[in-house]
Amino acid sequence: MPPEDIRPLFTAPSAARVRPALALHLTGHRPGLILDADTIGLLRDGLGYFDMEIRWMAHLDDADTVRMWRSWTGFQVYEAQVRVRGSGESAVFTDLKVEQHPDRYSGRLHEEPALFERILISSVNHLRHFRAGHTPYGPSPSAGPLPDPWPDETLTQNAGMADHRG
């Protein structure tokens, strides 16, 4: 029996919880992660609200924009454009914007690409675990084995370092 896919997808109820950023600013740096086809699909389905254990919601829309919101406030913090290669076998980031409205978020622009990558990796791994039937609290009765962590080293540019070209 296949594992039960229990992903909290980014659906209309999740979309109703989120608020757009008020003051997005380009970081001047591109995230160095490369999205594989599976990860593109997971992000297109999105990570919707689950509970406070899952701190972020994420979605890759039809315009190839990844947006990330804090789950407890619904405030958008990140917006990153991706360029999908070929017929969707991979995607690379072309820019990253971060919320800079003082009432919403106060990160330092030069630190944000690395932080964005860590948050995206965590979000994608949550999606992979949910798809295999695992929650932060343990496996569901029909859970499969835990998936390998994402990304593997072939999915980063510059040997795992964030790409700092503007």
Protein backbone atom coordinates (compact mmCIF):
# COMPACT_ATOMS: atom_id res chain seq x y z
CA MET A 1 0.00 0.00 0.00
CA PRO A 2 1.46 3.42 -0.91
CA PRO A 3 2.07 5.88 1.92
CA GLU A 4 -0.72 8.30 2.72
CA ASP A 5 0.02 11.76 1.28
CA ILE A 6 -0.98 14.13 4.06
CA ARG A 7 0.53 17.34 2.70
CA PRO A 8 -1.18 20.57 3.83
CA LEU A 9 -1.45 22.04 0.33
CA PHE A 10 -1.54 25.74 -0.43
CA THR A 11 -5.26 25.94 -1.26
CA ALA A 12 -7.90 28.68 -1.06
CA PRO A 13 -8.08 28.54 2.77
CA SER A 14 -4.29 29.00 2.98
CA ALA A 15 -4.39 31.79 0.41
CA ALA A 16 -7.06 33.54 2.49
CA ARG A 17 -4.66 33.59 5.49
CA VAL A 18 -1.79 35.35 3.72
CA ARG A 19 -1.02 39.05 3.34
CA PRO A 20 1.17 40.48 0.57
CA ALA A 21 4.44 42.18 1.42
CA LEU A 22 4.33 45.96 1.82
CA ALA A 23 7.93 46.87 0.94
CA LEU A 24 9.82 44.21 -1.02
CA HIS A 25 13.47 44.98 -1.79
CA LEU A 26 15.88 43.12 -4.04
CA THR A 27 18.74 41.55 -2.12
CA GLY A 28 21.20 41.85 -5.00
CA HIS A 29 22.02 38.14 -4.59
CA ARG A 30 20.50 35.02 -6.10
CA PRO A 31 19.85 31.87 -4.10
CA GLY A 32 22.13 29.11 -5.35
CA LEU A 33 19.69 26.22 -5.06
CA ILE A 34 18.53 24.41 -8.17
CA LEU A 35 15.00 23.02 -8.03
CA ASP A 36 14.56 19.55 -9.52
CA ALA A 37 11.30 18.47 -11.23
CA ASP A 38 9.94 16.84 -8.06
CA THR A 39 10.61 19.95 -5.98
CA ILE A 40 9.02 22.18 -8.63
CA GLY A 41 5.89 20.02 -8.40
CA LEU A 42 5.88 20.09 -4.60
CA LEU A 43 6.21 23.89 -4.55
CA ARG A 44 3.51 24.33 -7.21
CA ASP A 45 1.14 22.38 -4.93
CA GLY A 46 2.53 24.49 -2.12
CA LEU A 47 2.90 24.19 1.62
CA GLY A 48 -0.23 25.52 3.29
CA TYR A 49 -1.00 26.19 6.92
CA PHE A 50 -0.57 23.17 9.21
CA ASP A 51 0.13 24.42 12.73
CA MET A 52 2.78 26.33 14.65
CA GLU A 53 5.34 23.53 14.17
CA ILE A 54 5.50 24.39 10.47
CA ARG A 55 6.61 28.01 10.53
CA TRP A 56 6.29 28.87 6.85
CA MET A 57 3.82 28.61 3.99
CA ALA A 58 5.25 28.45 0.48
CA HIS A 59 3.93 28.43 -3.07
CA LEU A 60 5.36 28.50 -6.61
CA ASP A 61 2.75 30.15 -8.82
CA ASP A 62 2.08 29.94 -12.56
CA ALA A 63 4.28 33.03 -13.13
CA ASP A 64 7.23 31.04 -11.67
CA THR A 65 7.38 33.12 -8.50
CA VAL A 66 8.06 31.48 -5.14
CA ARG A 67 6.43 33.32 -2.25
CA MET A 68 6.92 32.50 1.40
CA TRP A 69 4.80 33.67 4.32
CA ARG A 70 5.17 33.27 8.07
CA SER A 71 2.51 30.78 9.07
CA TRP A 72 1.50 32.47 12.32
CA THR A 73 1.03 35.98 10.88
CA GLY A 74 0.39 35.28 7.20
CA PHE A 75 2.83 38.07 6.31
CA GLN A 76 4.81 37.60 3.13
CA VAL A 77 8.55 37.78 3.76
CA TYR A 78 10.12 36.40 0.57
CA GLU A 79 9.49 36.55 -3.15
CA ALA A 80 11.87 34.82 -5.55
CA GLN A 81 11.65 34.49 -9.30
CA VAL A 82 12.71 31.21 -10.89
CA ARG A 83 13.52 30.34 -14.48
CA VAL A 84 12.20 26.90 -15.34
CA ARG A 85 14.48 24.99 -17.69
CA GLY A 86 13.18 22.88 -20.56
CA SER A 87 9.83 21.28 -19.88
CA GLY A 88 10.15 21.58 -16.12
CA GLU A 89 13.07 19.29 -15.34
CA SER A 90 14.76 21.98 -13.23
CA ALA A 91 14.63 25.64 -12.26
CA VAL A 92 17.14 28.24 -11.09
CA PHE A 93 16.55 31.40 -9.11
CA THR A 94 16.99 34.71 -10.93
CA ASP A 95 16.32 37.11 -8.05
CA LEU A 96 15.23 37.35 -4.44
CA LYS A 97 13.18 40.07 -2.78
CA VAL A 98 12.66 40.45 0.97
CA GLU A 99 10.07 42.35 2.97
CA GLN A 100 11.63 45.44 4.54
CA HIS A 101 8.58 47.12 6.09
CA PRO A 102 9.65 47.78 9.71
CA ASP A 103 6.33 46.58 11.14
CA ARG A 104 6.58 43.27 9.30
CA TYR A 105 10.19 42.10 9.07
CA SER A 106 13.63 43.45 9.87
CA GLY A 107 16.16 41.14 8.25
CA ARG A 108 19.48 42.34 6.84
CA LEU A 109 19.48 42.17 3.05
CA HIS A 110 22.99 40.71 2.78
CA GLU A 111 22.05 37.81 5.11
CA GLU A 112 18.74 37.01 3.45
CA PRO A 113 19.80 34.74 0.55
CA ALA A 114 21.34 32.18 2.92
CA LEU A 115 18.39 32.44 5.32
CA PHE A 116 15.92 32.06 2.43
CA GLU A 117 17.75 28.91 1.30
CA ARG A 118 17.58 27.38 4.79
CA ILE A 119 13.86 28.18 5.07
CA LEU A 120 13.12 26.84 1.58
CA ILE A 121 15.07 23.63 2.30
CA SER A 122 13.13 23.16 5.54
CA SER A 123 9.80 23.80 3.77
CA VAL A 124 10.56 21.38 0.93
CA ASN A 125 11.65 18.71 3.41
CA HIS A 126 8.39 19.19 5.34
CA LEU A 127 6.49 18.63 2.07
CA ARG A 128 8.52 15.50 1.33
CA HIS A 129 7.87 14.13 4.83
CA PHE A 130 4.12 14.88 4.66
CA ARG A 131 3.95 13.19 1.24
CA ALA A 132 5.47 10.07 2.82
CA GLY A 133 2.90 10.18 5.64
CA HIS A 134 5.05 11.78 8.35
CA THR A 135 4.08 14.82 10.44
CA PRO A 136 6.29 16.74 12.89
CA TYR A 137 4.64 14.57 15.58
CA GLY A 138 5.39 11.21 13.99
CA PRO A 139 4.23 8.90 11.23
CA SER A 140 0.63 8.31 10.20
CA PRO A 141 -0.60 4.68 10.32
CA SER A 142 0.11 4.25 6.59
CA ALA A 143 3.42 6.14 6.48
CA GLY A 144 6.21 5.05 4.21
CA PRO A 145 9.91 5.41 4.92
CA LEU A 146 11.27 8.88 5.55
CA PRO A 147 12.58 10.39 2.31
CA ASP A 148 16.20 11.38 1.87
CA PRO A 149 16.82 15.05 2.73
CA TRP A 150 16.61 17.63 -0.04
CA PRO A 151 18.72 18.94 -1.70
CA ASP A 152 21.44 16.55 -2.60
CA GLU A 153 24.74 18.16 -3.49
CA THR A 154 23.98 18.08 -7.24
CA LEU A 155 21.21 20.64 -6.72
CA THR A 156 23.28 23.58 -5.55
CA GLN A 157 25.38 25.97 -7.55
CA ASN A 158 28.95 26.81 -6.54
CA ALA A 159 29.44 23.70 -4.39
CA GLY A 160 26.59 24.52 -2.03
CA MET A 161 27.36 28.21 -1.62
CA ALA A 162 24.73 30.83 -2.40
CA ASP A 163 25.32 32.49 -5.74
CA HIS A 164 26.30 36.10 -4.98
CA ARG A 165 26.12 37.51 -8.47
CA GLY A 166 23.65 40.39 -8.77
